[in-house]
PDB file of N, CA and C in Angstrom:
ATOM      1  N   MET A   1     -13.252  17.723 -18.711  1.00  0.00           N
ATOM      2  CA  MET A   1     -11.901  17.671 -18.204  1.00  0.00           C
ATOM      3  C   MET A   1     -10.942  17.117 -19.265  1.00  0.00           C
ATOM      4  N   LEU A   2     -11.404  16.079 -19.948  1.00  0.00           N
ATOM      5  CA  LEU A   2     -10.555  15.482 -20.982  1.00  0.00           C
ATOM      6  C   LEU A   2     -10.308  16.471 -22.121  1.00  0.00           C
ATOM      7  N   ALA A   3     -11.365  17.151 -22.565  1.00  0.00           N
ATOM      8  CA  ALA A   3     -11.210  18.102 -23.668  1.00  0.00           C
ATOM      9  C   ALA A   3     -10.261  19.245 -23.282  1.00  0.00           C
ATOM     10  N   LEU A   4     -10.400  19.737 -22.058  1.00  0.00           N
ATOM     11  CA  LEU A   4      -9.495  20.795 -21.595  1.00  0.00           C
ATOM     12  C   LEU A   4      -8.059  20.288 -21.504  1.00  0.00           C
ATOM     13  N   GLY A   5      -7.893  19.066 -21.030  1.00  0.00           N
ATOM     14  CA  GLY A   5      -6.562  18.485 -20.937  1.00  0.00           C
ATOM     15  C   GLY A   5      -5.913  18.293 -22.299  1.00  0.00           C
ATOM     16  N   LEU A   6      -6.698  17.810 -23.243  1.00  0.00           N
ATOM     17  CA  LEU A   6      -6.181  17.607 -24.599  1.00  0.00           C
ATOM     18  C   LEU A   6      -5.820  18.952 -25.231  1.00  0.00           C
ATOM     19  N   ALA A   7      -6.680  19.940 -25.044  1.00  0.00           N
ATOM     20  CA  ALA A   7      -6.386  21.274 -25.573  1.00  0.00           C
ATOM     21  C   ALA A   7      -5.112  21.834 -24.940  1.00  0.00           C
ATOM     22  N   PHE A   8      -4.960  21.636 -23.629  1.00  0.00           N
ATOM     23  CA  PHE A   8      -3.757  22.106 -22.939  1.00  0.00           C
ATOM     24  C   PHE A   8      -2.511  21.444 -23.525  1.00  0.00           C
ATOM     25  N   CYS A   9      -2.574  20.136 -23.771  1.00  0.00           N
ATOM     26  CA  CYS A   9      -1.415  19.425 -24.342  1.00  0.00           C
ATOM     27  C   CYS A   9      -1.043  19.985 -25.707  1.00  0.00           C
ATOM     28  N   PHE A  10      -2.038  20.279 -26.554  1.00  0.00           N
ATOM     29  CA  PHE A  10      -1.736  20.830 -27.877  1.00  0.00           C
ATOM     30  C   PHE A  10      -1.183  22.249 -27.784  1.00  0.00           C
ATOM     31  N   VAL A  11      -1.692  23.051 -26.852  1.00  0.00           N
ATOM     32  CA  VAL A  11      -1.145  24.398 -26.664  1.00  0.00           C
ATOM     33  C   VAL A  11       0.307  24.313 -26.224  1.00  0.00           C
ATOM     34  N   MET A  12       0.605  23.422 -25.279  1.00  0.00           N
ATOM     35  CA  MET A  12       1.990  23.259 -24.828  1.00  0.00           C
ATOM     36  C   MET A  12       2.876  22.733 -25.951  1.00  0.00           C
ATOM     37  N   TYR A  13       2.323  21.851 -26.782  1.00  0.00           N
ATOM     38  CA  TYR A  13       3.084  21.333 -27.921  1.00  0.00           C
ATOM     39  C   TYR A  13       3.487  22.482 -28.846  1.00  0.00           C
ATOM     40  N   TRP A  14       2.530  23.325 -29.206  1.00  0.00           N
ATOM     41  CA  TRP A  14       2.837  24.439 -30.107  1.00  0.00           C
ATOM     42  C   TRP A  14       3.788  25.420 -29.451  1.00  0.00           C
ATOM     43  N   TRP A  15       3.653  25.628 -28.143  1.00  0.00           N
ATOM     44  CA  TRP A  15       4.533  26.542 -27.437  1.00  0.00           C
ATOM     45  C   TRP A  15       5.983  26.058 -27.492  1.00  0.00           C
ATOM     46  N   GLN A  16       6.218  24.769 -27.275  1.00  0.00           N
ATOM     47  CA  GLN A  16       7.571  24.251 -27.164  1.00  0.00           C
ATOM     48  C   GLN A  16       8.276  24.096 -28.502  1.00  0.00           C
ATOM     49  N   LEU A  17       7.565  24.245 -29.611  1.00  0.00           N
ATOM     50  CA  LEU A  17       8.194  24.085 -30.926  1.00  0.00           C
ATOM     51  C   LEU A  17       9.273  25.133 -31.212  1.00  0.00           C
ATOM     52  N   ARG A  18       9.231  26.251 -30.534  1.00  0.00           N
ATOM     53  CA  ARG A  18      10.226  27.299 -30.777  1.00  0.00           C
ATOM     54  C   ARG A  18      11.582  26.996 -30.142  1.00  0.00           C
ATOM     55  N   TYR A  19      11.649  25.962 -29.320  1.00  0.00           N
ATOM     56  CA  TYR A  19      12.894  25.630 -28.629  1.00  0.00           C
ATOM     57  C   TYR A  19      13.692  24.581 -29.396  1.00  0.00           C
ATOM     58  N   LYS A  20      14.975  24.607 -29.184  1.00  0.00           N
ATOM     59  CA  LYS A  20      15.898  23.739 -29.911  1.00  0.00           C
ATOM     60  C   LYS A  20      15.617  22.254 -29.683  1.00  0.00           C
ATOM     61  N   TYR A  21      15.265  21.871 -28.480  1.00  0.00           N
ATOM     62  CA  TYR A  21      15.115  20.459 -28.157  1.00  0.00           C
ATOM     63  C   TYR A  21      13.657  20.002 -28.123  1.00  0.00           C
ATOM     64  N   ALA A  22      12.789  20.755 -28.754  1.00  0.00           N
ATOM     65  CA  ALA A  22      11.367  20.401 -28.777  1.00  0.00           C
ATOM     66  C   ALA A  22      11.170  19.071 -29.501  1.00  0.00           C
ATOM     67  N   PHE A  23      10.187  18.322 -29.070  1.00  0.00           N
ATOM     68  CA  PHE A  23       9.885  17.084 -29.770  1.00  0.00           C
ATOM     69  C   PHE A  23       8.826  17.377 -30.817  1.00  0.00           C
ATOM     70  N   ASP A  24       8.937  16.733 -31.961  1.00  0.00           N
ATOM     71  CA  ASP A  24       8.079  17.034 -33.104  1.00  0.00           C
ATOM     72  C   ASP A  24       7.173  15.843 -33.406  1.00  0.00           C
ATOM     73  N   ASP A  25       6.217  15.606 -32.520  1.00  0.00           N
ATOM     74  CA  ASP A  25       5.265  14.515 -32.722  1.00  0.00           C
ATOM     75  C   ASP A  25       3.908  14.941 -32.175  1.00  0.00           C
ATOM     76  N   PRO A  26       3.071  15.555 -33.012  1.00  0.00           N
ATOM     77  CA  PRO A  26       1.789  16.041 -32.506  1.00  0.00           C
ATOM     78  C   PRO A  26       0.888  14.928 -31.976  1.00  0.00           C
ATOM     79  N   LEU A  27       1.033  13.720 -32.453  1.00  0.00           N
ATOM     80  CA  LEU A  27       0.201  12.618 -31.970  1.00  0.00           C
ATOM     81  C   LEU A  27       0.565  12.201 -30.548  1.00  0.00           C
ATOM     82  N   ALA A  28       1.767  12.538 -30.112  1.00  0.00           N
ATOM     83  CA  ALA A  28       2.169  12.213 -28.739  1.00  0.00           C
ATOM     84  C   ALA A  28       1.280  12.939 -27.730  1.00  0.00           C
ATOM     85  N   ASN A  29       0.662  14.025 -28.153  1.00  0.00           N
ATOM     86  CA  ASN A  29      -0.245  14.751 -27.261  1.00  0.00           C
ATOM     87  C   ASN A  29      -1.425  13.881 -26.838  1.00  0.00           C
ATOM     88  N   LEU A  30      -1.820  12.960 -27.693  1.00  0.00           N
ATOM     89  CA  LEU A  30      -2.914  12.049 -27.324  1.00  0.00           C
ATOM     90  C   LEU A  30      -2.488  11.172 -26.152  1.00  0.00           C
ATOM     91  N   TYR A  31      -1.257  10.724 -26.154  1.00  0.00           N
ATOM     92  CA  TYR A  31      -0.754   9.922 -25.039  1.00  0.00           C
ATOM     93  C   TYR A  31      -0.605  10.768 -23.773  1.00  0.00           C
ATOM     94  N   LEU A  32      -0.146  12.001 -23.957  1.00  0.00           N
ATOM     95  CA  LEU A  32       0.068  12.868 -22.803  1.00  0.00           C
ATOM     96  C   LEU A  32      -1.246  13.340 -22.191  1.00  0.00           C
ATOM     97  N   ALA A  33      -2.352  13.161 -22.902  1.00  0.00           N
ATOM     98  CA  ALA A  33      -3.667  13.529 -22.361  1.00  0.00           C
ATOM     99  C   ALA A  33      -4.305  12.384 -21.576  1.00  0.00           C
ATOM    100  N   ILE A  34      -3.678  11.216 -21.534  1.00  0.00           N
ATOM    101  CA  ILE A  34      -4.241  10.065 -20.818  1.00  0.00           C
ATOM    102  C   ILE A  34      -4.503  10.368 -19.340  1.00  0.00           C
ATOM    103  N   PRO A  35      -3.604  11.045 -18.625  1.00  0.00           N
ATOM    104  CA  PRO A  35      -3.931  11.369 -17.229  1.00  0.00           C
ATOM    105  C   PRO A  35      -5.210  12.213 -17.102  1.00  0.00           C
ATOM    106  N   PHE A  36      -5.456  13.079 -18.077  1.00  0.00           N
ATOM    107  CA  PHE A  36      -6.676  13.878 -18.054  1.00  0.00           C
ATOM    108  C   PHE A  36      -7.909  13.001 -18.301  1.00  0.00           C
ATOM    109  N   ALA A  37      -7.738  11.945 -19.075  1.00  0.00           N
ATOM    110  CA  ALA A  37      -8.839  10.994 -19.274  1.00  0.00           C
ATOM    111  C   ALA A  37      -9.145  10.275 -17.963  1.00  0.00           C
ATOM    112  N   GLY A  38      -8.116   9.929 -17.217  1.00  0.00           N
ATOM    113  CA  GLY A  38      -8.320   9.316 -15.904  1.00  0.00           C
ATOM    114  C   GLY A  38      -9.067  10.253 -14.973  1.00  0.00           C
ATOM    115  N   LEU A  39      -8.730  11.531 -15.026  1.00  0.00           N
ATOM    116  CA  LEU A  39      -9.438  12.519 -14.221  1.00  0.00           C
ATOM    117  C   LEU A  39     -10.898  12.612 -14.655  1.00  0.00           C
ATOM    118  N   ALA A  40     -11.154  12.555 -15.947  1.00  0.00           N
ATOM    119  CA  ALA A  40     -12.535  12.607 -16.441  1.00  0.00           C
ATOM    120  C   ALA A  40     -13.349  11.429 -15.911  1.00  0.00           C
ATOM    121  N   VAL A  41     -12.725  10.266 -15.815  1.00  0.00           N
ATOM    122  CA  VAL A  41     -13.414   9.100 -15.251  1.00  0.00           C
ATOM    123  C   VAL A  41     -13.732   9.345 -13.778  1.00  0.00           C
ATOM    124  N   MET A  42     -12.784   9.903 -13.040  1.00  0.00           N
ATOM    125  CA  MET A  42     -13.020  10.190 -11.617  1.00  0.00           C
ATOM    126  C   MET A  42     -14.154  11.193 -11.437  1.00  0.00           C
ATOM    127  N   VAL A  43     -14.222  12.176 -12.317  1.00  0.00           N
ATOM    128  CA  VAL A  43     -15.315  13.147 -12.257  1.00  0.00           C
ATOM    129  C   VAL A  43     -16.639  12.446 -12.561  1.00  0.00           C
ATOM    130  N   ALA A  44     -16.626  11.538 -13.518  1.00  0.00           N
ATOM    131  CA  ALA A  44     -17.845  10.819 -13.894  1.00  0.00           C
ATOM    132  C   ALA A  44     -18.366   9.936 -12.766  1.00  0.00           C
ATOM    133  N   VAL A  45     -17.477   9.442 -11.906  1.00  0.00           N
ATOM    134  CA  VAL A  45     -17.921   8.563 -10.817  1.00  0.00           C
ATOM    135  C   VAL A  45     -18.127   9.321  -9.508  1.00  0.00           C
ATOM    136  N   GLY A  46     -18.088  10.650  -9.545  1.00  0.00           N
ATOM    137  CA  GLY A  46     -18.493  11.382  -8.367  1.00  0.00           C
ATOM    138  C   GLY A  46     -17.515  12.340  -7.734  1.00  0.00           C
ATOM    139  N   MET A  47     -16.404  12.650  -8.366  1.00  0.00           N
ATOM    140  CA  MET A  47     -15.485  13.628  -7.791  1.00  0.00           C
ATOM    141  C   MET A  47     -16.162  14.994  -7.789  1.00  0.00           C
ATOM    142  N   GLY A  48     -16.004  15.724  -6.702  1.00  0.00           N
ATOM    143  CA  GLY A  48     -16.604  17.048  -6.582  1.00  0.00           C
ATOM    144  C   GLY A  48     -15.932  18.068  -7.473  1.00  0.00           C
ATOM    145  N   PRO A  49     -16.624  19.170  -7.732  1.00  0.00           N
ATOM    146  CA  PRO A  49     -16.081  20.184  -8.642  1.00  0.00           C
ATOM    147  C   PRO A  49     -14.785  20.836  -8.155  1.00  0.00           C
ATOM    148  N   THR A  50     -14.688  21.118  -6.866  1.00  0.00           N
ATOM    149  CA  THR A  50     -13.454  21.738  -6.347  1.00  0.00           C
ATOM    150  C   THR A  50     -12.279  20.783  -6.485  1.00  0.00           C
ATOM    151  N   ALA A  51     -12.486  19.536  -6.114  1.00  0.00           N
ATOM    152  CA  ALA A  51     -11.426  18.530  -6.237  1.00  0.00           C
ATOM    153  C   ALA A  51     -11.053  18.326  -7.704  1.00  0.00           C
ATOM    154  N   ALA A  52     -12.030  18.393  -8.586  1.00  0.00           N
ATOM    155  CA  ALA A  52     -11.749  18.217 -10.018  1.00  0.00           C
ATOM    156  C   ALA A  52     -10.889  19.356 -10.555  1.00  0.00           C
ATOM    157  N   VAL A  53     -11.195  20.572 -10.153  1.00  0.00           N
ATOM    158  CA  VAL A  53     -10.403  21.723 -10.612  1.00  0.00           C
ATOM    159  C   VAL A  53      -8.986  21.650 -10.053  1.00  0.00           C
ATOM    160  N   VAL A  54      -8.853  21.330  -8.775  1.00  0.00           N
ATOM    161  CA  VAL A  54      -7.515  21.203  -8.174  1.00  0.00           C
ATOM    162  C   VAL A  54      -6.736  20.089  -8.869  1.00  0.00           C
ATOM    163  N   SER A  55      -7.381  18.979  -9.135  1.00  0.00           N
ATOM    164  CA  SER A  55      -6.720  17.858  -9.819  1.00  0.00           C
ATOM    165  C   SER A  55      -6.290  18.250 -11.221  1.00  0.00           C
ATOM    166  N   TRP A  56      -7.152  18.968 -11.929  1.00  0.00           N
ATOM    167  CA  TRP A  56      -6.804  19.402 -13.283  1.00  0.00           C
ATOM    168  C   TRP A  56      -5.585  20.318 -13.232  1.00  0.00           C
ATOM    169  N   LEU A  57      -5.555  21.229 -12.263  1.00  0.00           N
ATOM    170  CA  LEU A  57      -4.410  22.137 -12.136  1.00  0.00           C
ATOM    171  C   LEU A  57      -3.124  21.378 -11.809  1.00  0.00           C
ATOM    172  N   VAL A  58      -3.222  20.336 -10.986  1.00  0.00           N
ATOM    173  CA  VAL A  58      -2.054  19.502 -10.672  1.00  0.00           C
ATOM    174  C   VAL A  58      -1.547  18.833 -11.950  1.00  0.00           C
ATOM    175  N   LEU A  59      -2.456  18.230 -12.709  1.00  0.00           N
ATOM    176  CA  LEU A  59      -2.049  17.560 -13.952  1.00  0.00           C
ATOM    177  C   LEU A  59      -1.504  18.557 -14.967  1.00  0.00           C
ATOM    178  N   ALA A  60      -2.140  19.705 -15.084  1.00  0.00           N
ATOM    179  CA  ALA A  60      -1.661  20.717 -16.028  1.00  0.00           C
ATOM    180  C   ALA A  60      -0.277  21.216 -15.618  1.00  0.00           C
ATOM    181  N   GLY A  61      -0.058  21.409 -14.332  1.00  0.00           N
ATOM    182  CA  GLY A  61       1.257  21.853 -13.855  1.00  0.00           C
ATOM    183  C   GLY A  61       2.342  20.840 -14.154  1.00  0.00           C
ATOM    184  N   LEU A  62       2.061  19.575 -13.873  1.00  0.00           N
ATOM    185  CA  LEU A  62       3.059  18.532 -14.138  1.00  0.00           C
ATOM    186  C   LEU A  62       3.302  18.349 -15.639  1.00  0.00           C
ATOM    187  N   THR A  63       2.237  18.430 -16.421  1.00  0.00           N
ATOM    188  CA  THR A  63       2.379  18.286 -17.875  1.00  0.00           C
ATOM    189  C   THR A  63       3.143  19.469 -18.454  1.00  0.00           C
ATOM    190  N   GLY A  64       2.802  20.673 -18.014  1.00  0.00           N
ATOM    191  CA  GLY A  64       3.521  21.860 -18.477  1.00  0.00           C
ATOM    192  C   GLY A  64       4.987  21.812 -18.094  1.00  0.00           C
ATOM    193  N   TYR A  65       5.261  21.372 -16.869  1.00  0.00           N
ATOM    194  CA  TYR A  65       6.647  21.228 -16.417  1.00  0.00           C
ATOM    195  C   TYR A  65       7.407  20.240 -17.304  1.00  0.00           C
ATOM    196  N   ALA A  66       6.742  19.174 -17.686  1.00  0.00           N
ATOM    197  CA  ALA A  66       7.387  18.178 -18.550  1.00  0.00           C
ATOM    198  C   ALA A  66       7.700  18.764 -19.927  1.00  0.00           C
ATOM    199  N   TYR A  67       6.732  19.460 -20.523  1.00  0.00           N
ATOM    200  CA  TYR A  67       6.982  20.075 -21.835  1.00  0.00           C
ATOM    201  C   TYR A  67       8.135  21.061 -21.773  1.00  0.00           C
ATOM    202  N   VAL A  68       8.140  21.925 -20.758  1.00  0.00           N
ATOM    203  CA  VAL A  68       9.198  22.930 -20.633  1.00  0.00           C
ATOM    204  C   VAL A  68      10.540  22.256 -20.393  1.00  0.00           C
ATOM    205  N   GLY A  69      10.562  21.266 -19.506  1.00  0.00           N
ATOM    206  CA  GLY A  69      11.811  20.571 -19.199  1.00  0.00           C
ATOM    207  C   GLY A  69      12.419  19.872 -20.395  1.00  0.00           C
ATOM    208  N   VAL A  70      11.576  19.231 -21.175  1.00  0.00           N
ATOM    209  CA  VAL A  70      12.079  18.513 -22.354  1.00  0.00           C
ATOM    210  C   VAL A  70      12.528  19.497 -23.432  1.00  0.00           C
ATOM    211  N   ALA A  71      11.745  20.543 -23.660  1.00  0.00           N
ATOM    212  CA  ALA A  71      12.058  21.496 -24.734  1.00  0.00           C
ATOM    213  C   ALA A  71      13.316  22.307 -24.457  1.00  0.00           C
ATOM    214  N   THR A  72      13.667  22.476 -23.199  1.00  0.00           N
ATOM    215  CA  THR A  72      14.803  23.346 -22.866  1.00  0.00           C
ATOM    216  C   THR A  72      16.036  22.589 -22.380  1.00  0.00           C
ATOM    217  N   SER A  73      16.012  21.265 -22.446  1.00  0.00           N
ATOM    218  CA  SER A  73      17.141  20.492 -21.941  1.00  0.00           C
ATOM    219  C   SER A  73      17.792  19.677 -23.053  1.00  0.00           C
ATOM    220  N   SER A  74      19.096  19.621 -23.018  1.00  0.00           N
ATOM    221  CA  SER A  74      19.822  18.802 -23.992  1.00  0.00           C
ATOM    222  C   SER A  74      20.117  17.407 -23.452  1.00  0.00           C
ATOM    223  N   SER A  75      19.668  17.122 -22.256  1.00  0.00           N
ATOM    224  CA  SER A  75      19.925  15.824 -21.635  1.00  0.00           C
ATOM    225  C   SER A  75      19.214  14.706 -22.396  1.00  0.00           C
ATOM    226  N   SER A  76      19.891  13.600 -22.524  1.00  0.00           N
ATOM    227  CA  SER A  76      19.291  12.463 -23.227  1.00  0.00           C
ATOM    228  C   SER A  76      18.159  11.823 -22.432  1.00  0.00           C
ATOM    229  N   THR A  77      18.090  12.116 -21.142  1.00  0.00           N
ATOM    230  CA  THR A  77      17.035  11.542 -20.305  1.00  0.00           C
ATOM    231  C   THR A  77      15.917  12.542 -20.003  1.00  0.00           C
ATOM    232  N   ALA A  78      15.925  13.684 -20.657  1.00  0.00           N
ATOM    233  CA  ALA A  78      14.911  14.710 -20.392  1.00  0.00           C
ATOM    234  C   ALA A  78      13.497  14.202 -20.675  1.00  0.00           C
ATOM    235  N   ALA A  79      13.367  13.328 -21.645  1.00  0.00           N
ATOM    236  CA  ALA A  79      12.030  12.827 -21.999  1.00  0.00           C
ATOM    237  C   ALA A  79      11.380  12.055 -20.853  1.00  0.00           C
ATOM    238  N   LEU A  80      12.177  11.644 -19.882  1.00  0.00           N
ATOM    239  CA  LEU A  80      11.604  10.959 -18.716  1.00  0.00           C
ATOM    240  C   LEU A  80      10.661  11.875 -17.931  1.00  0.00           C
ATOM    241  N   LEU A  81      10.801  13.183 -18.127  1.00  0.00           N
ATOM    242  CA  LEU A  81       9.891  14.114 -17.463  1.00  0.00           C
ATOM    243  C   LEU A  81       8.441  13.883 -17.877  1.00  0.00           C
ATOM    244  N   PHE A  82       8.232  13.305 -19.058  1.00  0.00           N
ATOM    245  CA  PHE A  82       6.861  13.037 -19.503  1.00  0.00           C
ATOM    246  C   PHE A  82       6.182  11.950 -18.672  1.00  0.00           C
ATOM    247  N   LEU A  83       6.936  11.262 -17.840  1.00  0.00           N
ATOM    248  CA  LEU A  83       6.330  10.271 -16.944  1.00  0.00           C
ATOM    249  C   LEU A  83       5.691  10.920 -15.721  1.00  0.00           C
ATOM    250  N   ALA A  84       6.087  12.159 -15.411  1.00  0.00           N
ATOM    251  CA  ALA A  84       5.583  12.831 -14.208  1.00  0.00           C
ATOM    252  C   ALA A  84       4.053  12.927 -14.161  1.00  0.00           C
ATOM    253  N   PRO A  85       3.373  13.329 -15.249  1.00  0.00           N
ATOM    254  CA  PRO A  85       1.916  13.386 -15.162  1.00  0.00           C
ATOM    255  C   PRO A  85       1.285  12.011 -14.924  1.00  0.00           C
ATOM    256  N   PHE A  86       1.933  10.972 -15.391  1.00  0.00           N
ATOM    257  CA  PHE A  86       1.395   9.622 -15.199  1.00  0.00           C
ATOM    258  C   PHE A  86       1.655   9.125 -13.779  1.00  0.00           C
ATOM    259  N   LEU A  87       2.891   9.245 -13.328  1.00  0.00           N
ATOM    260  CA  LEU A  87       3.256   8.707 -12.019  1.00  0.00           C
ATOM    261  C   LEU A  87       2.824   9.632 -10.885  1.00  0.00           C
ATOM    262  N   TRP A  88       3.425  10.828 -10.824  1.00  0.00           N
ATOM    263  CA  TRP A  88       3.092  11.763  -9.750  1.00  0.00           C
ATOM    264  C   TRP A  88       1.672  12.283  -9.894  1.00  0.00           C
ATOM    265  N   GLY A  89       1.277  12.561 -11.115  1.00  0.00           N
ATOM    266  CA  GLY A  89      -0.085  13.039 -11.339  1.00  0.00           C
ATOM    267  C   GLY A  89      -1.120  12.009 -10.932  1.00  0.00           C
ATOM    268  N   GLY A  90      -0.893  10.764 -11.328  1.00  0.00           N
ATOM    269  CA  GLY A  90      -1.829   9.703 -10.948  1.00  0.00           C
ATOM    270  C   GLY A  90      -1.918   9.542  -9.440  1.00  0.00           C
ATOM    271  N   LEU A  91      -0.773   9.594  -8.783  1.00  0.00           N
ATOM    272  CA  LEU A  91      -0.754   9.463  -7.325  1.00  0.00           C
ATOM    273  C   LEU A  91      -1.472  10.637  -6.655  1.00  0.00           C
ATOM    274  N   LEU A  92      -1.132  11.858  -7.037  1.00  0.00           N
ATOM    275  CA  LEU A  92      -1.722  13.036  -6.410  1.00  0.00           C
ATOM    276  C   LEU A  92      -3.225  13.139  -6.675  1.00  0.00           C
ATOM    277  N   VAL A  93      -3.639  12.859  -7.899  1.00  0.00           N
ATOM    278  CA  VAL A  93      -5.069  12.927  -8.225  1.00  0.00           C
ATOM    279  C   VAL A  93      -5.834  11.833  -7.480  1.00  0.00           C
ATOM    280  N   SER A  94      -5.242  10.673  -7.321  1.00  0.00           N
ATOM    281  CA  SER A  94      -5.887   9.601  -6.555  1.00  0.00           C
ATOM    282  C   SER A  94      -6.055   9.991  -5.095  1.00  0.00           C
ATOM    283  N   VAL A  95      -5.044  10.637  -4.531  1.00  0.00           N
ATOM    284  CA  VAL A  95      -5.135  11.099  -3.134  1.00  0.00           C
ATOM    285  C   VAL A  95      -6.221  12.172  -3.018  1.00  0.00           C
ATOM    286  N   ILE A  96      -6.263  13.100  -3.956  1.00  0.00           N
ATOM    287  CA  ILE A  96      -7.298  14.141  -3.940  1.00  0.00           C
ATOM    288  C   ILE A  96      -8.683  13.501  -4.046  1.00  0.00           C
ATOM    289  N   PHE A  97      -8.819  12.506  -4.908  1.00  0.00           N
ATOM    290  CA  PHE A  97     -10.103  11.810  -5.066  1.00  0.00           C
ATOM    291  C   PHE A  97     -10.507  11.126  -3.760  1.00  0.00           C
ATOM    292  N   ALA A  98      -9.560  10.457  -3.113  1.00  0.00           N
ATOM    293  CA  ALA A  98      -9.867   9.753  -1.862  1.00  0.00           C
ATOM    294  C   ALA A  98     -10.276  10.738  -0.770  1.00  0.00           C
ATOM    295  N   ILE A  99      -9.570  11.845  -0.670  1.00  0.00           N
ATOM    296  CA  ILE A  99      -9.922  12.862   0.331  1.00  0.00           C
ATOM    297  C   ILE A  99     -11.299  13.443   0.034  1.00  0.00           C
ATOM    298  N   ASP A 100     -11.542  13.765  -1.231  1.00  0.00           N
ATOM    299  CA  ASP A 100     -12.844  14.308  -1.631  1.00  0.00           C
ATOM    300  C   ASP A 100     -13.964  13.327  -1.315  1.00  0.00           C
ATOM    301  N   HIS A 101     -13.750  12.075  -1.629  1.00  0.00           N
ATOM    302  CA  HIS A 101     -14.760  11.041  -1.363  1.00  0.00           C
ATOM    303  C   HIS A 101     -15.042  10.923   0.136  1.00  0.00           C
ATOM    304  N   THR A 102     -14.000  10.940   0.945  1.00  0.00           N
ATOM    305  CA  THR A 102     -14.152  10.837   2.398  1.00  0.00           C
ATOM    306  C   THR A 102     -14.928  12.034   2.950  1.00  0.00           C
ATOM    307  N   ILE A 103     -14.568  13.228   2.516  1.00  0.00           N
ATOM    308  CA  ILE A 103     -15.260  14.437   2.984  1.00  0.00           C
ATOM    309  C   ILE A 103     -16.723  14.409   2.575  1.00  0.00           C
ATOM    310  N   ARG A 104     -16.999  14.033   1.336  1.00  0.00           N
ATOM    311  CA  ARG A 104     -18.385  14.006   0.869  1.00  0.00           C
ATOM    312  C   ARG A 104     -19.207  12.970   1.635  1.00  0.00           C
ATOM    313  N   ARG A 105     -18.613  11.814   1.910  1.00  0.00           N
ATOM    314  CA  ARG A 105     -19.314  10.765   2.636  1.00  0.00           C
ATOM    315  C   ARG A 105     -19.624  11.212   4.062  1.00  0.00           C
ATOM    316  N   ARG A 106     -18.669  11.867   4.715  1.00  0.00           N
ATOM    317  CA  ARG A 106     -18.892  12.346   6.088  1.00  0.00           C
ATOM    318  C   ARG A 106     -19.957  13.433   6.134  1.00  0.00           C
ATOM    319  N   ARG A 107     -19.969  14.287   5.127  1.00  0.00           N
ATOM    320  CA  ARG A 107     -20.998  15.334   5.080  1.00  0.00           C
ATOM    321  C   ARG A 107     -22.389  14.721   4.926  1.00  0.00           C
ATOM    322  N   ARG A 108     -22.502  13.686   4.121  1.00  0.00           N
ATOM    323  CA  ARG A 108     -23.802  13.023   3.948  1.00  0.00           C
ATOM    324  C   ARG A 108     -24.259  12.385   5.246  1.00  0.00           C
ATOM    325  N   LYS A 109     -23.353  11.749   5.975  1.00  0.00           N
ATOM    326  CA  LYS A 109     -23.713  11.106   7.244  1.00  0.00           C
ATOM    327  C   LYS A 109     -24.133  12.152   8.269  1.00  0.00           C
ATOM    328  N   ARG A 110     -23.418  13.253   8.344  1.00  0.00           N
ATOM    329  CA  ARG A 110     -23.699  14.296   9.297  1.00  0.00           C
ATOM    330  C   ARG A 110     -24.988  15.048   8.953  1.00  0.00           C
ATOM    331  N   GLY A 111     -25.337  15.070   7.695  1.00  0.00           N
ATOM    332  CA  GLY A 111     -26.523  15.795   7.258  1.00  0.00           C
ATOM    333  C   GLY A 111     -27.822  15.087   7.575  1.00  0.00           C
ATOM    334  N   GLY A 112     -27.766  13.869   8.086  1.00  0.00           N
ATOM    335  CA  GLY A 112     -28.958  13.148   8.454  1.00  0.00           C
ATOM    336  C   GLY A 112     -29.644  12.458   7.290  1.00  0.00           C
ATOM    337  N   HIS A 113     -29.008  12.424   6.153  1.00  0.00           N
ATOM    338  CA  HIS A 113     -29.604  11.757   4.993  1.00  0.00           C
ATOM    339  C   HIS A 113     -29.571  10.244   5.216  1.00  0.00           C
ATOM    340  N   VAL A 114     -30.736   9.638   5.212  1.00  0.00           N
ATOM    341  CA  VAL A 114     -30.834   8.198   5.385  1.00  0.00           C
ATOM    342  C   VAL A 114     -31.432   7.633   4.112  1.00  0.00           C
ATOM    343  N   PRO A 115     -30.753   6.709   3.461  1.00  0.00           N
ATOM    344  CA  PRO A 115     -31.314   6.133   2.246  1.00  0.00           C
ATOM    345  C   PRO A 115     -32.634   5.432   2.553  1.00  0.00           C
ATOM    346  N   SER A 116     -33.552   5.548   1.626  1.00  0.00           N
ATOM    347  CA  SER A 116     -34.871   4.932   1.847  1.00  0.00           C
ATOM    348  C   SER A 116     -34.740   3.419   1.827  1.00  0.00           C
ATOM    349  N   ALA A 117     -35.606   2.795   2.588  1.00  0.00           N
ATOM    350  CA  ALA A 117     -35.587   1.331   2.707  1.00  0.00           C
ATOM    351  C   ALA A 117     -36.462   0.694   1.633  1.00  0.00           C
ATOM    352  N   GLY A 118     -37.012   1.504   0.759  1.00  0.00           N
ATOM    353  CA  GLY A 118     -37.822   0.954  -0.321  1.00  0.00           C
ATOM    354  C   GLY A 118     -39.246   0.651   0.116  1.00  0.00           C
ATOM    355  N   ILE A 119     -39.695   1.241   1.188  1.00  0.00           N
ATOM    356  CA  ILE A 119     -41.037   0.972   1.693  1.00  0.00           C
ATOM    357  C   ILE A 119     -41.993   2.004   1.142  1.00  0.00           C
TER     358      ILE A 119
END
């Protein structure tokens, strides 16, 4: 997830360079990939594959929206759009993780799986 997120950030960086208001800092992509690193941690601790793909698409959408918004706007506050993947993305991915965790836990209980008592 992290590698895909980082690759997405670099693709968006190269895409936005053709616009007048594009930002010219390739290292900033490392910072913009931080939400994808958070998603990778959630996947590592048990997020399901469907929830992971939906979360990645949410982060990619917000990140892409930020790149497009900044590259095409002359507003001095346009760079604030780069906060969207951190704030809204973090919130939405956390909600998706919580829902996924709840669904998975209920399925395990309903399936009759009982952890062994070590006997």
